[in-house]
Amino acid sequence: MAGKDWDAAQYLKFEAERTRPVRDLLAQLPLTSPKRIVDLGCGPGNSTEVLVKHFPQAHITGLDSSPDMIEKARKRLPDLDFTIGDLSSFEQKEPSDLLYSNAVYQWVPYDQRMQIFTRLIQSQAPGGVFAFQVPDNFNEPSHEAMRAVADEGPWAEDLRRVTTFRKAFQSPQELYDKLKPLCSEINIWHTYYYHILEDHQAIVEWVKGTGLRPYLDQLSSFDQESFTKEYLKRVEKSYRPLVDGKVCLRYPRLFLVAVRA
């Protein structure tokens, strides 16, 4: 969904938590020494850095639609090639050993995802890998609260397009059924992460870097503040404090590793 540029600094407030799934996806790759890797939706380079450390001999490039994210990635890894580009229209000039994506395709319109996945896998040589993970938190309290605040506030009409755009990700069965004819192997799994955060405001700060962004981008500064305050109230009701006053943000993610037949 098009909007204002991403805020890399906001995103990186929870870098350690956001990078953990990168390693979990990497651990399941059936590759030992890939020569060419593309990090699709590389963000500020935290995922790319993990790839570089794990596959130091590979030629790795990064692609992202956000100028701010690409700027941070270039500063982080100045020896690598990072490009601003649209993931929806990305095409390889030559097959890579690994197309890798961390927490990006949930932003692609629902009805475009399978077509994109099919095209990417078809562009791979036999044995080439396409791997991604995405948040699968559409029905989590954090995201239900976003939609409720958007639908019930004075900004409801302004945010209707955002609410309509946001949908749950494809099911594992749908992913498997659509992609298996192209693949020799498909590995799909689902993981719940339980992030212990300092307080309810920390949950707000987390989603301000991702899921809350499309809502706030459509509002004036005044309405952004009002929306965020109302959202915080709902978060406080949905997440009971732990024994030490901190809160637990449950965060489900969906993983897929596909090997081209």
C-alpha atoms as a PDB file:
ATOM      1  CA  MET A   1       0.000   0.000   0.000  1.00  0.00           C
ATOM      2  CA  ALA A   2       1.526   3.298  -1.082  1.00  0.00           C
ATOM      3  CA  GLY A   3       2.060   5.982   1.518  1.00  0.00           C
ATOM      4  CA  LYS A   4       4.693   8.131   3.130  1.00  0.00           C
ATOM      5  CA  ASP A   5       8.234   6.845   3.378  1.00  0.00           C
ATOM      6  CA  TRP A   6       9.151   4.430   6.128  1.00  0.00           C
ATOM      7  CA  ASP A   7      10.886   5.631   9.284  1.00  0.00           C
ATOM      8  CA  ALA A   8      13.951   3.407   9.662  1.00  0.00           C
ATOM      9  CA  ALA A   9      14.778   4.783  13.123  1.00  0.00           C
ATOM     10  CA  GLN A  10      11.298   3.914  14.413  1.00  0.00           C
ATOM     11  CA  TYR A  11      11.537   0.442  12.887  1.00  0.00           C
ATOM     12  CA  LEU A  12      14.928  -0.212  14.478  1.00  0.00           C
ATOM     13  CA  LYS A  13      13.754   0.602  18.018  1.00  0.00           C
ATOM     14  CA  PHE A  14      13.074  -3.149  18.250  1.00  0.00           C
ATOM     15  CA  GLU A  15      15.871  -4.368  15.994  1.00  0.00           C
ATOM     16  CA  ALA A  16      16.767  -7.449  18.044  1.00  0.00           C
ATOM     17  CA  GLU A  17      13.189  -8.709  18.101  1.00  0.00           C
ATOM     18  CA  ARG A  18      12.615  -7.955  14.420  1.00  0.00           C
ATOM     19  CA  THR A  19      15.842  -9.700  13.386  1.00  0.00           C
ATOM     20  CA  ARG A  20      15.244 -12.973  15.231  1.00  0.00           C
ATOM     21  CA  PRO A  21      12.859 -14.344  12.542  1.00  0.00           C
ATOM     22  CA  VAL A  22      15.562 -13.588   9.957  1.00  0.00           C
ATOM     23  CA  ARG A  23      17.799 -16.162  11.627  1.00  0.00           C
ATOM     24  CA  ASP A  24      14.962 -18.634  12.110  1.00  0.00           C
ATOM     25  CA  LEU A  25      14.155 -18.550   8.402  1.00  0.00           C
ATOM     26  CA  LEU A  26      17.832 -18.779   7.501  1.00  0.00           C
ATOM     27  CA  ALA A  27      18.247 -21.913   9.627  1.00  0.00           C
ATOM     28  CA  GLN A  28      15.807 -23.825   7.413  1.00  0.00           C
ATOM     29  CA  LEU A  29      17.356 -23.013   4.047  1.00  0.00           C
ATOM     30  CA  PRO A  30      18.550 -26.096   2.123  1.00  0.00           C
ATOM     31  CA  LEU A  31      21.630 -24.224   0.896  1.00  0.00           C
ATOM     32  CA  THR A  32      25.260 -24.380   1.992  1.00  0.00           C
ATOM     33  CA  SER A  33      27.131 -22.067  -0.375  1.00  0.00           C
ATOM     34  CA  PRO A  34      24.834 -19.948  -2.557  1.00  0.00           C
ATOM     35  CA  LYS A  35      26.661 -17.703  -5.003  1.00  0.00           C
ATOM     36  CA  ARG A  36      23.999 -15.069  -5.585  1.00  0.00           C
ATOM     37  CA  ILE A  37      21.382 -13.799  -3.106  1.00  0.00           C
ATOM     38  CA  VAL A  38      18.759 -11.058  -3.361  1.00  0.00           C
ATOM     39  CA  ASP A  39      17.273  -9.642  -0.159  1.00  0.00           C
ATOM     40  CA  LEU A  40      13.794  -8.529  -1.212  1.00  0.00           C
ATOM     41  CA  GLY A  41      12.527  -5.753   1.038  1.00  0.00           C
ATOM     42  CA  CYS A  42      15.866  -5.433   2.791  1.00  0.00           C
ATOM     43  CA  GLY A  43      14.737  -2.567   5.025  1.00  0.00           C
ATOM     44  CA  PRO A  44      17.601  -0.885   6.911  1.00  0.00           C
ATOM     45  CA  GLY A  45      19.917  -3.827   6.207  1.00  0.00           C
ATOM     46  CA  ASN A  46      19.460  -5.824   9.404  1.00  0.00           C
ATOM     47  CA  SER A  47      18.338  -8.893   7.453  1.00  0.00           C
ATOM     48  CA  THR A  48      21.038  -8.360   4.818  1.00  0.00           C
ATOM     49  CA  GLU A  49      23.709  -8.226   7.506  1.00  0.00           C
ATOM     50  CA  VAL A  50      22.624 -11.642   8.805  1.00  0.00           C
ATOM     51  CA  LEU A  51      22.840 -13.049   5.279  1.00  0.00           C
ATOM     52  CA  VAL A  52      26.316 -11.581   4.795  1.00  0.00           C
ATOM     53  CA  LYS A  53      27.598 -13.152   8.004  1.00  0.00           C
ATOM     54  CA  HIS A  54      26.076 -16.546   7.179  1.00  0.00           C
ATOM     55  CA  PHE A  55      27.112 -16.596   3.497  1.00  0.00           C
ATOM     56  CA  PRO A  56      30.281 -14.450   3.370  1.00  0.00           C
ATOM     57  CA  GLN A  57      31.294 -15.689  -0.091  1.00  0.00           C
ATOM     58  CA  ALA A  58      27.974 -14.893  -1.751  1.00  0.00           C
ATOM     59  CA  HIS A  59      27.231 -11.863  -3.900  1.00  0.00           C
ATOM     60  CA  ILE A  60      24.333 -10.229  -2.033  1.00  0.00           C
ATOM     61  CA  THR A  61      22.148  -7.361  -3.188  1.00  0.00           C
ATOM     62  CA  GLY A  62      19.271  -5.618  -1.428  1.00  0.00           C
ATOM     63  CA  LEU A  63      16.063  -4.100  -2.758  1.00  0.00           C
ATOM     64  CA  ASP A  64      13.528  -1.901  -0.971  1.00  0.00           C
ATOM     65  CA  SER A  65      10.932   0.674  -1.952  1.00  0.00           C
ATOM     66  CA  SER A  66      11.836   3.046   0.893  1.00  0.00           C
ATOM     67  CA  PRO A  67      14.584   5.643   0.281  1.00  0.00           C
ATOM     68  CA  ASP A  68      15.089   6.033   4.044  1.00  0.00           C
ATOM     69  CA  MET A  69      15.515   2.291   4.529  1.00  0.00           C
ATOM     70  CA  ILE A  70      17.951   2.050   1.611  1.00  0.00           C
ATOM     71  CA  GLU A  71      19.963   4.984   2.948  1.00  0.00           C
ATOM     72  CA  LYS A  72      20.333   3.247   6.330  1.00  0.00           C
ATOM     73  CA  ALA A  73      21.206  -0.054   4.647  1.00  0.00           C
ATOM     74  CA  ARG A  74      23.962   1.573   2.569  1.00  0.00           C
ATOM     75  CA  LYS A  75      25.471   3.171   5.658  1.00  0.00           C
ATOM     76  CA  ARG A  76      25.322  -0.143   7.499  1.00  0.00           C
ATOM     77  CA  LEU A  77      26.820  -2.228   4.684  1.00  0.00           C
ATOM     78  CA  PRO A  78      28.682   0.192   2.372  1.00  0.00           C
ATOM     79  CA  ASP A  79      30.288  -2.562   0.302  1.00  0.00           C
ATOM     80  CA  LEU A  80      26.965  -4.013  -0.864  1.00  0.00           C
ATOM     81  CA  ASP A  81      24.679  -2.970  -3.686  1.00  0.00           C
ATOM     82  CA  PHE A  82      21.305  -1.651  -2.494  1.00  0.00           C
ATOM     83  CA  THR A  83      18.609  -0.500  -4.910  1.00  0.00           C
ATOM     84  CA  ILE A  84      15.316   1.365  -4.545  1.00  0.00           C
ATOM     85  CA  GLY A  85      12.626  -0.610  -6.320  1.00  0.00           C
ATOM     86  CA  ASP A  86       9.085  -1.958  -6.261  1.00  0.00           C
ATOM     87  CA  LEU A  87       8.819  -5.554  -5.046  1.00  0.00           C
ATOM     88  CA  SER A  88       5.583  -6.052  -6.963  1.00  0.00           C
ATOM     89  CA  SER A  89       7.336  -5.567 -10.308  1.00  0.00           C
ATOM     90  CA  PHE A  90      10.796  -6.939  -9.434  1.00  0.00           C
ATOM     91  CA  GLU A  91      12.264  -9.238 -12.077  1.00  0.00           C
ATOM     92  CA  GLN A  92      15.620 -10.988 -12.047  1.00  0.00           C
ATOM     93  CA  LYS A  93      18.062 -10.409 -14.880  1.00  0.00           C
ATOM     94  CA  GLU A  94      19.584 -13.779 -14.083  1.00  0.00           C
ATOM     95  CA  PRO A  95      18.517 -16.523 -11.659  1.00  0.00           C
ATOM     96  CA  SER A  96      19.815 -16.279  -8.103  1.00  0.00           C
ATOM     97  CA  ASP A  97      20.439 -19.147  -5.741  1.00  0.00           C
ATOM     98  CA  LEU A  98      18.284 -17.483  -3.089  1.00  0.00           C
ATOM     99  CA  LEU A  99      15.470 -14.970  -3.140  1.00  0.00           C
ATOM    100  CA  TYR A 100      15.018 -14.014   0.503  1.00  0.00           C
ATOM    101  CA  SER A 101      12.390 -11.783   2.093  1.00  0.00           C
ATOM    102  CA  ASN A 102      11.787 -10.783   5.698  1.00  0.00           C
ATOM    103  CA  ALA A 103       8.440  -9.244   6.715  1.00  0.00           C
ATOM    104  CA  VAL A 104       7.510  -7.567   3.449  1.00  0.00           C
ATOM    105  CA  TYR A 105       4.826  -9.357   1.464  1.00  0.00           C
ATOM    106  CA  GLN A 106       2.067  -8.576   3.956  1.00  0.00           C
ATOM    107  CA  TRP A 107       2.204  -5.071   2.441  1.00  0.00           C
ATOM    108  CA  VAL A 108       1.485  -6.354  -1.080  1.00  0.00           C
ATOM    109  CA  PRO A 109      -2.245  -6.404  -1.968  1.00  0.00           C
ATOM    110  CA  TYR A 110      -3.797  -9.767  -1.161  1.00  0.00           C
ATOM    111  CA  ASP A 111      -4.876 -10.547  -4.714  1.00  0.00           C
ATOM    112  CA  GLN A 112      -1.378  -9.893  -6.125  1.00  0.00           C
ATOM    113  CA  ARG A 113       0.699 -12.073  -3.813  1.00  0.00           C
ATOM    114  CA  MET A 114       0.275 -15.487  -5.422  1.00  0.00           C
ATOM    115  CA  GLN A 115       0.981 -14.094  -8.874  1.00  0.00           C
ATOM    116  CA  ILE A 116       4.184 -12.508  -7.564  1.00  0.00           C
ATOM    117  CA  PHE A 117       5.289 -15.662  -5.742  1.00  0.00           C
ATOM    118  CA  THR A 118       4.638 -17.751  -8.849  1.00  0.00           C
ATOM    119  CA  ARG A 119       6.635 -15.384 -11.041  1.00  0.00           C
ATOM    120  CA  LEU A 120       9.580 -15.316  -8.637  1.00  0.00           C
ATOM    121  CA  ILE A 121       9.754 -19.093  -8.358  1.00  0.00           C
ATOM    122  CA  GLN A 122       9.476 -19.486 -12.125  1.00  0.00           C
ATOM    123  CA  SER A 123      12.436 -17.110 -12.528  1.00  0.00           C
ATOM    124  CA  GLN A 124      14.644 -19.426 -10.466  1.00  0.00           C
ATOM    125  CA  ALA A 125      16.817 -22.169 -11.935  1.00  0.00           C
ATOM    126  CA  PRO A 126      16.139 -25.729 -10.714  1.00  0.00           C
ATOM    127  CA  GLY A 127      17.245 -25.957  -7.085  1.00  0.00           C
ATOM    128  CA  GLY A 128      16.924 -22.219  -6.552  1.00  0.00           C
ATOM    129  CA  VAL A 129      15.208 -21.180  -3.325  1.00  0.00           C
ATOM    130  CA  PHE A 130      12.514 -18.621  -2.611  1.00  0.00           C
ATOM    131  CA  ALA A 131      12.090 -18.006   1.139  1.00  0.00           C
ATOM    132  CA  PHE A 132      10.021 -15.508   3.071  1.00  0.00           C
ATOM    133  CA  GLN A 133       8.441 -14.818   6.441  1.00  0.00           C
ATOM    134  CA  VAL A 134       5.585 -12.469   7.204  1.00  0.00           C
ATOM    135  CA  PRO A 135       3.740 -11.356  10.333  1.00  0.00           C
ATOM    136  CA  ASP A 136       0.499 -13.301  10.657  1.00  0.00           C
ATOM    137  CA  ASN A 137      -1.109 -11.079  13.267  1.00  0.00           C
ATOM    138  CA  PHE A 138      -4.267  -9.843  11.560  1.00  0.00           C
ATOM    139  CA  ASN A 139      -6.416 -11.279  14.367  1.00  0.00           C
ATOM    140  CA  GLU A 140      -4.123 -10.366  17.260  1.00  0.00           C
ATOM    141  CA  PRO A 141      -5.442  -7.837  19.842  1.00  0.00           C
ATOM    142  CA  SER A 142      -2.884  -5.263  18.684  1.00  0.00           C
ATOM    143  CA  HIS A 143      -4.338  -5.257  15.186  1.00  0.00           C
ATOM    144  CA  GLU A 144      -7.968  -5.706  16.139  1.00  0.00           C
ATOM    145  CA  ALA A 145      -7.558  -2.547  18.218  1.00  0.00           C
ATOM    146  CA  MET A 146      -6.205  -0.642  15.207  1.00  0.00           C
ATOM    147  CA  ARG A 147      -9.246  -1.497  13.122  1.00  0.00           C
ATOM    148  CA  ALA A 148     -11.646  -0.705  15.947  1.00  0.00           C
ATOM    149  CA  VAL A 149     -10.151   2.740  16.535  1.00  0.00           C
ATOM    150  CA  ALA A 150     -10.112   3.407  12.792  1.00  0.00           C
ATOM    151  CA  ASP A 151     -13.768   2.375  12.356  1.00  0.00           C
ATOM    152  CA  GLU A 152     -15.216   4.135  15.390  1.00  0.00           C
ATOM    153  CA  GLY A 153     -13.418   7.485  15.417  1.00  0.00           C
ATOM    154  CA  PRO A 154     -14.162  10.757  13.596  1.00  0.00           C
ATOM    155  CA  TRP A 155     -11.549   9.722  11.015  1.00  0.00           C
ATOM    156  CA  ALA A 156     -13.470   6.589   9.976  1.00  0.00           C
ATOM    157  CA  GLU A 157     -14.184   7.768   6.434  1.00  0.00           C
ATOM    158  CA  ASP A 158     -10.578   8.889   5.898  1.00  0.00           C
ATOM    159  CA  LEU A 159      -9.277   5.485   7.037  1.00  0.00           C
ATOM    160  CA  ARG A 160     -11.810   3.286   5.274  1.00  0.00           C
ATOM    161  CA  ARG A 161      -9.398   2.547   2.429  1.00  0.00           C
ATOM    162  CA  VAL A 162      -6.710   1.430   4.891  1.00  0.00           C
ATOM    163  CA  THR A 163      -9.103  -0.856   6.741  1.00  0.00           C
ATOM    164  CA  THR A 164     -10.344  -2.371   3.473  1.00  0.00           C
ATOM    165  CA  PHE A 165      -6.788  -2.957   2.245  1.00  0.00           C
ATOM    166  CA  ARG A 166      -5.684  -4.846   5.351  1.00  0.00           C
ATOM    167  CA  LYS A 167      -6.477  -8.559   5.125  1.00  0.00           C
ATOM    168  CA  ALA A 168      -5.185 -11.755   6.682  1.00  0.00           C
ATOM    169  CA  PHE A 169      -2.364 -13.486   4.834  1.00  0.00           C
ATOM    170  CA  GLN A 170      -2.927 -16.535   2.638  1.00  0.00           C
ATOM    171  CA  SER A 171      -3.313 -19.834   4.492  1.00  0.00           C
ATOM    172  CA  PRO A 172      -0.565 -22.490   4.417  1.00  0.00           C
ATOM    173  CA  GLN A 173      -2.864 -24.735   2.375  1.00  0.00           C
ATOM    174  CA  GLU A 174      -3.434 -22.069  -0.266  1.00  0.00           C
ATOM    175  CA  LEU A 175       0.279 -21.313  -0.475  1.00  0.00           C
ATOM    176  CA  TYR A 176       1.146 -24.991  -0.833  1.00  0.00           C
ATOM    177  CA  ASP A 177      -1.552 -25.798  -3.382  1.00  0.00           C
ATOM    178  CA  LYS A 178      -0.645 -22.855  -5.631  1.00  0.00           C
ATOM    179  CA  LEU A 179       3.145 -23.193  -5.463  1.00  0.00           C
ATOM    180  CA  LYS A 180       3.780 -26.939  -5.218  1.00  0.00           C
ATOM    181  CA  PRO A 181       3.391 -27.599  -8.975  1.00  0.00           C
ATOM    182  CA  LEU A 182       6.503 -25.426  -9.466  1.00  0.00           C
ATOM    183  CA  CYS A 183       8.533 -26.841  -6.597  1.00  0.00           C
ATOM    184  CA  SER A 184      10.350 -30.002  -5.617  1.00  0.00           C
ATOM    185  CA  GLU A 185       9.951 -29.108  -1.948  1.00  0.00           C
ATOM    186  CA  ILE A 186       7.940 -26.647   0.134  1.00  0.00           C
ATOM    187  CA  ASN A 187       8.500 -26.129   3.843  1.00  0.00           C
ATOM    188  CA  ILE A 188       5.860 -24.079   5.697  1.00  0.00           C
ATOM    189  CA  TRP A 189       5.657 -23.366   9.415  1.00  0.00           C
ATOM    190  CA  HIS A 190       4.149 -20.963  11.888  1.00  0.00           C
ATOM    191  CA  THR A 191       5.822 -19.572  15.011  1.00  0.00           C
ATOM    192  CA  TYR A 192       4.545 -17.518  17.938  1.00  0.00           C
ATOM    193  CA  TYR A 193       7.064 -15.074  19.402  1.00  0.00           C
ATOM    194  CA  TYR A 194       6.399 -13.658  22.851  1.00  0.00           C
ATOM    195  CA  HIS A 195       8.135 -10.311  23.102  1.00  0.00           C
ATOM    196  CA  ILE A 196       8.486  -8.957  26.641  1.00  0.00           C
ATOM    197  CA  LEU A 197       8.203  -5.181  26.380  1.00  0.00           C
ATOM    198  CA  GLU A 198       8.592  -2.490  29.030  1.00  0.00           C
ATOM    199  CA  ASP A 199       4.983  -1.280  29.056  1.00  0.00           C
ATOM    200  CA  HIS A 200       1.878  -0.721  26.943  1.00  0.00           C
ATOM    201  CA  GLN A 201       3.417   2.340  25.327  1.00  0.00           C
ATOM    202  CA  ALA A 202       6.167   0.074  23.998  1.00  0.00           C
ATOM    203  CA  ILE A 203       3.543  -1.912  22.085  1.00  0.00           C
ATOM    204  CA  VAL A 204       2.381   1.341  20.524  1.00  0.00           C
ATOM    205  CA  GLU A 205       5.966   2.227  19.616  1.00  0.00           C
ATOM    206  CA  TRP A 206       6.425  -1.207  18.061  1.00  0.00           C
ATOM    207  CA  VAL A 207       3.416  -0.947  15.764  1.00  0.00           C
ATOM    208  CA  LYS A 208       4.119   2.699  14.917  1.00  0.00           C
ATOM    209  CA  GLY A 209       7.078   1.318  12.960  1.00  0.00           C
ATOM    210  CA  THR A 210       4.919  -1.139  11.000  1.00  0.00           C
ATOM    211  CA  GLY A 211       1.206  -1.924  11.275  1.00  0.00           C
ATOM    212  CA  LEU A 212       0.006   1.416  12.637  1.00  0.00           C
ATOM    213  CA  ARG A 213       1.888   3.434  10.044  1.00  0.00           C
ATOM    214  CA  PRO A 214      -0.704   3.308   7.214  1.00  0.00           C
ATOM    215  CA  TYR A 215      -3.395   4.627   9.557  1.00  0.00           C
ATOM    216  CA  LEU A 216      -1.326   7.490  10.953  1.00  0.00           C
ATOM    217  CA  ASP A 217      -0.051   8.472   7.509  1.00  0.00           C
ATOM    218  CA  GLN A 218      -3.589   9.450   6.481  1.00  0.00           C
ATOM    219  CA  LEU A 219      -4.188  11.758   9.451  1.00  0.00           C
ATOM    220  CA  SER A 220      -3.233  15.273  10.471  1.00  0.00           C
ATOM    221  CA  SER A 221      -0.790  15.715  13.339  1.00  0.00           C
ATOM    222  CA  PHE A 222      -3.682  16.489  15.690  1.00  0.00           C
ATOM    223  CA  ASP A 223      -5.644  13.409  14.655  1.00  0.00           C
ATOM    224  CA  GLN A 224      -2.525  11.257  14.823  1.00  0.00           C
ATOM    225  CA  GLU A 225      -2.151  12.160  18.475  1.00  0.00           C
ATOM    226  CA  SER A 226      -5.828  11.521  19.198  1.00  0.00           C
ATOM    227  CA  PHE A 227      -5.779   8.205  17.325  1.00  0.00           C
ATOM    228  CA  THR A 228      -2.661   7.053  19.176  1.00  0.00           C
ATOM    229  CA  LYS A 229      -4.133   7.953  22.584  1.00  0.00           C
ATOM    230  CA  GLU A 230      -7.319   5.994  21.852  1.00  0.00           C
ATOM    231  CA  TYR A 231      -5.281   3.091  20.528  1.00  0.00           C
ATOM    232  CA  LEU A 232      -3.168   3.040  23.707  1.00  0.00           C
ATOM    233  CA  LYS A 233      -6.334   2.813  25.827  1.00  0.00           C
ATOM    234  CA  ARG A 234      -7.445  -0.272  23.892  1.00  0.00           C
ATOM    235  CA  VAL A 235      -4.001  -1.835  24.133  1.00  0.00           C
ATOM    236  CA  GLU A 236      -4.058  -1.349  27.906  1.00  0.00           C
ATOM    237  CA  LYS A 237      -7.353  -3.247  28.069  1.00  0.00           C
ATOM    238  CA  SER A 238      -6.132  -6.064  25.815  1.00  0.00           C
ATOM    239  CA  TYR A 239      -2.735  -6.811  27.391  1.00  0.00           C
ATOM    240  CA  ARG A 240      -2.628  -7.602  31.078  1.00  0.00           C
ATOM    241  CA  PRO A 241       0.591  -6.487  32.840  1.00  0.00           C
ATOM    242  CA  LEU A 242       3.034  -9.181  33.901  1.00  0.00           C
ATOM    243  CA  VAL A 243       4.202  -9.669  37.478  1.00  0.00           C
ATOM    244  CA  ASP A 244       6.972  -7.084  37.035  1.00  0.00           C
ATOM    245  CA  GLY A 245       4.795  -4.540  35.248  1.00  0.00           C
ATOM    246  CA  LYS A 246       6.027  -5.377  31.761  1.00  0.00           C
ATOM    247  CA  VAL A 247       3.740  -6.665  29.008  1.00  0.00           C
ATOM    248  CA  CYS A 248       3.891  -9.632  26.653  1.00  0.00           C
ATOM    249  CA  LEU A 249       3.275  -8.979  22.966  1.00  0.00           C
ATOM    250  CA  ARG A 250       2.353 -12.236  21.249  1.00  0.00           C
ATOM    251  CA  TYR A 251       3.538 -12.054  17.655  1.00  0.00           C
ATOM    252  CA  PRO A 252       2.745 -14.867  15.186  1.00  0.00           C
ATOM    253  CA  ARG A 253       4.753 -15.234  11.985  1.00  0.00           C
ATOM    254  CA  LEU A 254       4.355 -17.436   8.917  1.00  0.00           C
ATOM    255  CA  PHE A 255       7.414 -18.914   7.153  1.00  0.00           C
ATOM    256  CA  LEU A 256       7.824 -20.536   3.737  1.00  0.00           C
ATOM    257  CA  VAL A 257      10.816 -22.051   1.946  1.00  0.00           C
ATOM    258  CA  ALA A 258      10.215 -23.202  -1.650  1.00  0.00           C
ATOM    259  CA  VAL A 259      12.739 -25.059  -3.836  1.00  0.00           C
ATOM    260  CA  ARG A 260      12.329 -24.756  -7.599  1.00  0.00           C
ATOM    261  CA  ALA A 261      11.739 -28.091  -9.335  1.00  0.00           C
END
